[in-house]
């Protein structure tokens, strides 16, 4: 059975999976149609919705389609810490006239999503927050699916390699959104993308570079260092096909937001986004408890978007957010790959 070879992309660009709205079937199809590899974000939605998204993307392109899943982590939540954080956020929630959400722990419908992938067989499946079991990796590979692990350290790379994955995403510290760290209690790794990429390339020939990549020169640089492709997410947030909400679209282009920071305040897991008042006010007290804090703050964040308030919701973005431009995703992919298109 022939498996998809990431080294054969016409444009060495991978559209990062961005859970929670920005990733859409139209975006994945547009990236793949432009010669890259588009990803669907399988996290934070049910198995039926994932199946529907795969079908929709396939109807929009004959190119390859990737799917990303969050690997369920062990429950790090301490009820007393979560309750204390809920009490802290209650006043802000009342200002938006909403109730905070139920801080529940779930496996994100993970087993059912694995079954969907085995049934529908997208070209590539990647994993974040850990690596799938050796058994799941073996079943996916036997179905002809190329498997990819998102890693932030050498130890994570070794663990994923031992489980039989085909390729890696080396996620540097400049990446937007959630850190792919396997241990949910660990401080985010700070090694530069270049250092991490070199280390992962010592252990695999097929490595995608991610984190802080926003220009054609950035893409040329990481490919020159040995990456088979550059994974970009923030660069696509303003694209026509992205599902980025209007408040985040405006914030990405608003001069008041001058930097990004890593925070656990919105989801209970470390993630990089535009630095705003919510992060400044609540980062120190937010517990490491994912997905409980994600569900707790969800109604508040949605209310902030509805009210047009950029300071009470997350805007996941990488350090190269200033390079993001509106336009068709295909044009963005073409521009990013213009110096090294194959």
Protein backbone atom coordinates (compact mmCIF):
# COMPACT_ATOMS: atom_id res chain seq x y z
CA UNK A 1 0.00 0.00 0.00
CA UNK A 2 1.46 3.34 -1.07
CA UNK A 3 1.58 5.98 1.66
CA UNK A 4 1.72 9.71 1.12
CA UNK A 5 5.29 11.02 0.99
CA UNK A 6 5.65 14.45 2.57
CA UNK A 7 8.81 15.01 0.55
CA UNK A 8 6.81 15.15 -2.68
CA UNK A 9 4.78 18.30 -2.03
CA UNK A 10 4.98 20.74 -4.95
CA UNK A 11 4.92 23.58 -2.44
CA UNK A 12 6.68 22.62 0.82
CA UNK A 13 3.97 24.24 2.91
CA UNK A 14 1.80 22.53 5.51
CA UNK A 15 -1.28 24.38 6.71
CA UNK A 16 -1.25 23.96 10.47
CA UNK A 17 -4.33 22.50 12.14
CA UNK A 18 -5.97 25.27 14.20
CA UNK A 19 -8.71 23.94 16.45
CA UNK A 20 -11.60 26.02 17.67
CA UNK A 21 -12.64 27.64 14.42
CA UNK A 22 -9.82 28.87 12.16
CA UNK A 23 -9.30 25.53 10.40
CA UNK A 24 -12.05 24.74 7.91
CA UNK A 25 -12.47 22.22 5.10
CA UNK A 26 -12.23 25.10 2.65
CA UNK A 27 -8.89 26.20 4.10
CA UNK A 28 -7.44 22.69 4.10
CA UNK A 29 -8.60 22.17 0.51
CA UNK A 30 -7.17 25.50 -0.62
CA UNK A 31 -3.74 24.78 0.85
CA UNK A 32 -3.67 21.33 -0.73
CA UNK A 33 -4.96 22.64 -4.03
CA UNK A 34 -2.06 25.10 -4.10
CA UNK A 35 0.47 22.27 -3.88
CA UNK A 36 0.85 22.06 -0.11
CA UNK A 37 -0.78 19.89 2.52
CA UNK A 38 -3.88 21.21 4.22
CA UNK A 39 -4.88 19.98 7.66
CA UNK A 40 -8.24 19.65 9.34
CA UNK A 41 -8.29 20.23 13.10
CA UNK A 42 -9.93 17.15 14.59
CA UNK A 43 -9.74 18.44 18.15
CA UNK A 44 -12.63 20.05 20.04
CA UNK A 45 -15.33 18.52 17.87
CA UNK A 46 -17.20 15.22 17.74
CA UNK A 47 -16.41 12.23 15.57
CA UNK A 48 -19.42 12.83 13.32
CA UNK A 49 -18.35 16.41 12.63
CA UNK A 50 -14.82 15.25 11.86
CA UNK A 51 -16.16 12.71 9.37
CA UNK A 52 -18.27 15.40 7.72
CA UNK A 53 -15.30 17.79 7.52
CA UNK A 54 -13.15 15.14 5.84
CA UNK A 55 -15.87 14.46 3.28
CA UNK A 56 -16.32 18.18 2.60
CA UNK A 57 -12.60 18.78 2.13
CA UNK A 58 -12.31 15.85 -0.24
CA UNK A 59 -15.15 17.25 -2.34
CA UNK A 60 -13.22 20.51 -2.65
CA UNK A 61 -9.83 19.19 -3.72
CA UNK A 62 -8.10 16.23 -5.28
CA UNK A 63 -5.00 17.07 -3.25
CA UNK A 64 -3.90 15.38 -0.03
CA UNK A 65 -5.76 15.98 3.22
CA UNK A 66 -4.33 15.77 6.71
CA UNK A 67 -6.14 15.47 10.05
CA UNK A 68 -4.78 16.36 13.49
CA UNK A 69 -5.95 14.96 16.82
CA UNK A 70 -5.19 16.00 20.39
CA UNK A 71 -4.01 12.95 22.33
CA UNK A 72 -5.92 12.73 25.64
CA UNK A 73 -3.67 13.60 28.55
CA UNK A 74 -3.90 12.52 32.15
CA UNK A 75 -6.18 14.62 34.32
CA UNK A 76 -4.08 17.34 35.95
CA UNK A 77 -7.00 19.27 37.40
CA UNK A 78 -7.31 19.91 41.11
CA UNK A 79 -10.95 20.68 41.97
CA UNK A 80 -10.08 23.30 44.57
CA UNK A 81 -7.82 25.20 42.13
CA UNK A 82 -10.42 25.07 39.38
CA UNK A 83 -13.12 26.29 41.77
CA UNK A 84 -10.89 29.14 42.91
CA UNK A 85 -10.25 30.19 39.32
CA UNK A 86 -13.97 30.07 38.57
CA UNK A 87 -14.59 32.38 41.51
CA UNK A 88 -11.92 34.74 40.19
CA UNK A 89 -13.57 34.90 36.75
CA UNK A 90 -17.15 35.22 38.02
CA UNK A 91 -17.20 39.01 38.06
CA UNK A 92 -15.89 39.25 34.50
CA UNK A 93 -18.46 36.71 33.34
CA UNK A 94 -21.21 38.75 34.96
CA UNK A 95 -20.07 41.81 33.02
CA UNK A 96 -20.84 39.85 29.84
CA UNK A 97 -24.07 38.48 31.35
CA UNK A 98 -23.01 34.84 30.96
CA UNK A 99 -22.46 31.87 33.23
CA UNK A 100 -19.08 30.19 33.22
CA UNK A 101 -18.99 26.74 31.68
CA UNK A 102 -18.79 23.38 33.40
CA UNK A 103 -15.08 22.54 33.95
CA UNK A 104 -15.31 18.95 32.78
CA UNK A 105 -12.64 16.46 31.82
CA UNK A 106 -13.15 14.55 28.54
CA UNK A 107 -11.15 12.40 26.14
CA UNK A 108 -12.33 14.60 23.24
CA UNK A 109 -14.09 11.60 21.64
CA UNK A 110 -10.63 10.30 20.77
CA UNK A 111 -11.35 6.56 20.28
CA UNK A 112 -14.30 7.30 18.00
CA UNK A 113 -12.16 9.69 15.95
CA UNK A 114 -9.51 7.01 15.48
CA UNK A 115 -12.27 4.80 14.08
CA UNK A 116 -13.31 7.60 11.70
CA UNK A 117 -9.73 7.93 10.45
CA UNK A 118 -9.42 4.20 9.88
CA UNK A 119 -12.68 4.27 7.95
CA UNK A 120 -12.16 7.40 5.83
CA UNK A 121 -8.37 7.19 5.52
CA UNK A 122 -7.08 10.74 5.09
CA UNK A 123 -3.60 10.90 3.61
CA UNK A 124 -1.88 12.07 6.78
CA UNK A 125 -2.73 12.04 10.50
CA UNK A 126 -0.76 14.05 13.04
CA UNK A 127 -0.92 14.05 16.82
CA UNK A 128 -0.48 16.83 19.35
CA UNK A 129 -0.20 16.75 23.20
CA UNK A 130 1.52 13.38 22.96
CA UNK A 131 1.89 10.47 20.59
CA UNK A 132 -0.73 7.88 19.82
CA UNK A 133 -0.12 4.38 21.10
CA UNK A 134 2.04 2.02 19.09
CA UNK A 135 -1.12 -0.01 18.41
CA UNK A 136 -3.01 2.99 16.99
CA UNK A 137 0.02 4.04 14.95
CA UNK A 138 0.29 0.53 13.55
CA UNK A 139 -3.39 0.38 12.62
CA UNK A 140 -3.26 3.76 10.90
CA UNK A 141 -0.14 2.84 8.95
CA UNK A 142 -1.68 -0.49 7.95
CA UNK A 143 -4.58 1.53 6.53
CA UNK A 144 -2.11 3.45 4.34
CA UNK A 145 -2.11 6.62 6.43
CA UNK A 146 1.12 8.54 7.01
CA UNK A 147 1.53 9.28 10.73
CA UNK A 148 3.15 12.38 12.19
CA UNK A 149 4.02 13.35 15.77
CA UNK A 150 4.29 16.96 16.95
CA UNK A 151 7.35 17.24 19.20
CA UNK A 152 9.00 20.00 21.20
CA UNK A 153 11.97 18.13 22.71
CA UNK A 154 14.42 15.33 21.93
CA UNK A 155 12.81 13.08 24.55
CA UNK A 156 9.42 13.46 22.90
CA UNK A 157 11.00 12.66 19.54
CA UNK A 158 12.54 9.47 20.90
CA UNK A 159 9.25 8.39 22.44
CA UNK A 160 7.29 8.96 19.23
CA UNK A 161 9.95 7.28 17.12
CA UNK A 162 9.75 4.19 19.32
CA UNK A 163 6.02 4.01 18.59
CA UNK A 164 6.61 3.89 14.85
CA UNK A 165 5.54 7.25 13.44
CA UNK A 166 6.59 8.12 9.90
CA UNK A 167 7.46 11.78 10.38
CA UNK A 168 7.66 14.66 12.84
CA UNK A 169 6.60 18.26 13.23
CA UNK A 170 9.38 20.04 15.13
CA UNK A 171 7.44 22.77 16.93
CA UNK A 172 9.66 25.66 17.95
CA UNK A 173 8.81 28.13 20.73
CA UNK A 174 7.50 30.79 18.33
CA UNK A 175 4.50 28.70 17.25
CA UNK A 176 1.02 30.06 17.83
CA UNK A 177 -1.68 28.13 19.64
CA UNK A 178 -1.15 25.27 22.03
CA UNK A 179 2.30 23.92 22.71
CA UNK A 180 2.61 20.29 21.71
CA UNK A 181 4.39 19.36 24.94
CA UNK A 182 3.66 15.75 25.92
CA UNK A 183 3.72 16.45 29.68
CA UNK A 184 0.88 18.91 30.45
CA UNK A 185 2.65 20.02 33.64
CA UNK A 186 6.00 20.75 32.01
CA UNK A 187 7.22 24.24 31.32
CA UNK A 188 7.30 24.90 27.55
CA UNK A 189 10.63 24.10 25.91
CA UNK A 190 12.69 27.14 24.97
CA UNK A 191 15.21 25.69 22.51
CA UNK A 192 15.09 27.60 19.25
CA UNK A 193 13.42 26.07 16.22
CA UNK A 194 16.84 25.70 14.61
CA UNK A 195 18.23 23.74 17.56
CA UNK A 196 15.16 21.52 17.80
CA UNK A 197 15.02 20.94 14.06
CA UNK A 198 18.66 19.84 13.97
CA UNK A 199 18.08 17.41 16.84
CA UNK A 200 14.97 15.87 15.29
CA UNK A 201 16.69 15.57 11.91
CA UNK A 202 19.34 13.42 13.60
CA UNK A 203 16.54 10.96 14.32
CA UNK A 204 14.40 11.19 11.17
CA UNK A 205 14.71 12.15 7.51
CA UNK A 206 11.16 13.50 7.36
CA UNK A 207 10.70 16.54 9.57
CA UNK A 208 8.37 19.52 9.17
CA UNK A 209 9.49 22.77 10.80
CA UNK A 210 6.94 24.88 12.68
CA UNK A 211 6.97 28.01 14.78
CA UNK A 212 7.44 31.66 13.90
CA UNK A 213 7.48 31.09 10.13
CA UNK A 214 5.84 33.95 8.29
CA UNK A 215 7.83 34.91 5.19
CA UNK A 216 9.22 33.25 2.05
CA UNK A 217 12.68 33.76 3.54
CA UNK A 218 11.65 31.87 6.68
CA UNK A 219 10.41 28.97 4.59
CA UNK A 220 13.57 28.94 2.50
CA UNK A 221 15.67 28.96 5.68
CA UNK A 222 14.05 25.95 7.37
CA UNK A 223 13.98 23.93 4.16
CA UNK A 224 17.63 24.79 3.68
CA UNK A 225 18.27 23.39 7.16
CA UNK A 226 16.76 20.06 6.13
CA UNK A 227 13.02 20.33 6.79
CA UNK A 228 10.82 18.74 4.12
CA UNK A 229 8.27 21.52 4.60
CA UNK A 230 7.32 24.49 6.75
CA UNK A 231 4.13 24.34 8.78
CA UNK A 232 2.31 27.67 8.98
CA UNK A 233 -0.83 28.58 10.86
CA UNK A 234 -0.75 32.24 11.83
CA UNK A 235 0.10 33.14 8.22
CA UNK A 236 -3.28 31.70 7.20
CA UNK A 237 -5.45 33.22 9.94
CA UNK A 238 -6.47 36.18 7.78
CA UNK A 239 -7.08 34.10 4.67
CA UNK A 240 -10.46 34.16 2.98
CA UNK A 241 -11.08 30.50 3.76
CA UNK A 242 -10.11 30.57 7.45
CA UNK A 243 -12.83 30.47 10.09
CA UNK A 244 -11.07 33.06 12.25
CA UNK A 245 -13.66 35.08 14.14
CA UNK A 246 -14.03 38.80 13.31
CA UNK A 247 -12.61 39.99 16.64
CA UNK A 248 -9.43 37.97 16.20
CA UNK A 249 -9.12 39.08 12.57
CA UNK A 250 -9.26 42.69 13.75
CA UNK A 251 -6.87 42.10 16.65
CA UNK A 252 -4.24 40.58 14.37
CA UNK A 253 -4.22 43.85 12.42
CA UNK A 254 -4.63 46.20 15.40
CA UNK A 255 -1.52 48.19 16.32
CA UNK A 256 -2.42 48.00 20.03
CA UNK A 257 -1.35 44.34 20.04
CA UNK A 258 2.40 44.40 19.74
CA UNK A 259 3.50 41.04 21.13
CA UNK A 260 2.54 37.46 21.85
CA UNK A 261 2.96 35.51 25.06
CA UNK A 262 2.50 31.97 26.27
CA UNK A 263 -0.46 31.56 28.63
CA UNK A 264 -2.50 28.90 30.40
CA UNK A 265 -5.22 31.37 31.40
CA UNK A 266 -7.73 30.51 28.67
CA UNK A 267 -7.48 26.72 28.42
CA UNK A 268 -5.45 25.37 31.31
CA UNK A 269 -2.65 24.39 28.93
CA UNK A 270 0.20 26.49 27.62
CA UNK A 271 -0.55 28.26 24.34
CA UNK A 272 0.81 31.30 22.53
CA UNK A 273 -1.44 34.21 21.56
CA UNK A 274 -1.67 37.97 21.31
CA UNK A 275 -1.01 39.43 24.74
CA UNK A 276 -4.12 41.07 26.13
CA UNK A 277 -5.63 42.11 29.47
CA UNK A 278 -7.12 38.71 30.24
CA UNK A 279 -3.70 37.12 30.02
CA UNK A 280 -2.11 39.86 32.11
CA UNK A 281 -4.79 39.63 34.81
CA UNK A 282 -5.19 35.88 35.12
CA UNK A 283 -2.04 34.08 33.99
CA UNK A 284 -0.50 33.84 37.45
CA UNK A 285 -3.57 32.26 39.01
CA UNK A 286 -4.81 30.01 36.18
CA UNK A 287 -4.34 26.32 37.03
CA UNK A 288 -2.86 23.75 34.66
CA UNK A 289 -6.07 21.83 34.05
CA UNK A 290 -6.89 21.02 30.45
CA UNK A 291 -9.56 20.67 29.14
CA UNK A 292 -11.45 21.81 32.26
CA UNK A 293 -10.35 25.44 32.01
CA UNK A 294 -11.07 25.42 28.27
CA UNK A 295 -14.67 24.51 29.00
CA UNK A 296 -14.87 26.85 32.00
CA UNK A 297 -13.86 29.94 30.00
CA UNK A 298 -15.64 28.97 26.78
CA UNK A 299 -18.91 30.90 27.35
CA UNK A 300 -16.97 33.97 28.48
CA UNK A 301 -14.74 33.93 25.43
CA UNK A 302 -17.70 33.48 23.08
CA UNK A 303 -19.51 36.36 24.77
CA UNK A 304 -16.46 38.58 24.36
CA UNK A 305 -16.37 37.81 20.64
CA UNK A 306 -20.07 38.58 20.35
CA UNK A 307 -19.48 41.89 22.17
CA UNK A 308 -16.45 42.73 20.02
CA UNK A 309 -14.11 42.85 23.03
CA UNK A 310 -10.59 41.69 22.10
CA UNK A 311 -9.36 41.70 25.71
CA UNK A 312 -11.55 38.94 27.14
CA UNK A 313 -10.92 36.19 24.60
CA UNK A 314 -7.93 34.38 23.14
CA UNK A 315 -6.27 35.21 19.84
CA UNK A 316 -3.88 32.31 19.23
CA UNK A 317 -0.98 33.52 17.11
CA UNK A 318 2.73 32.93 16.65
CA UNK A 319 5.59 35.37 16.91
CA UNK A 320 5.42 36.16 13.17
CA UNK A 321 1.83 37.42 13.40
CA UNK A 322 2.86 40.78 12.00
CA UNK A 323 3.53 39.11 8.65
CA UNK A 324 -0.02 37.76 8.28
CA UNK A 325 -2.00 39.28 5.40
CA UNK A 326 -5.56 38.91 4.12
CA UNK A 327 -6.20 37.12 0.83
CA UNK A 328 -6.88 33.78 -0.76
CA UNK A 329 -5.12 30.90 0.97
CA UNK A 330 -3.75 29.65 -2.35
CA UNK A 331 -2.07 33.01 -2.94
CA UNK A 332 -0.57 32.94 0.56
CA UNK A 333 0.83 29.45 -0.03
CA UNK A 334 2.20 30.49 -3.40
CA UNK A 335 3.91 33.53 -1.88
CA UNK A 336 5.41 31.60 1.04
CA UNK A 337 6.81 28.92 -1.27
CA UNK A 338 7.91 31.33 -4.00
CA UNK A 339 11.65 30.99 -3.29
CA UNK A 340 11.74 27.20 -3.23
CA UNK A 341 8.70 25.86 -5.05
CA UNK A 342 9.50 22.40 -6.39
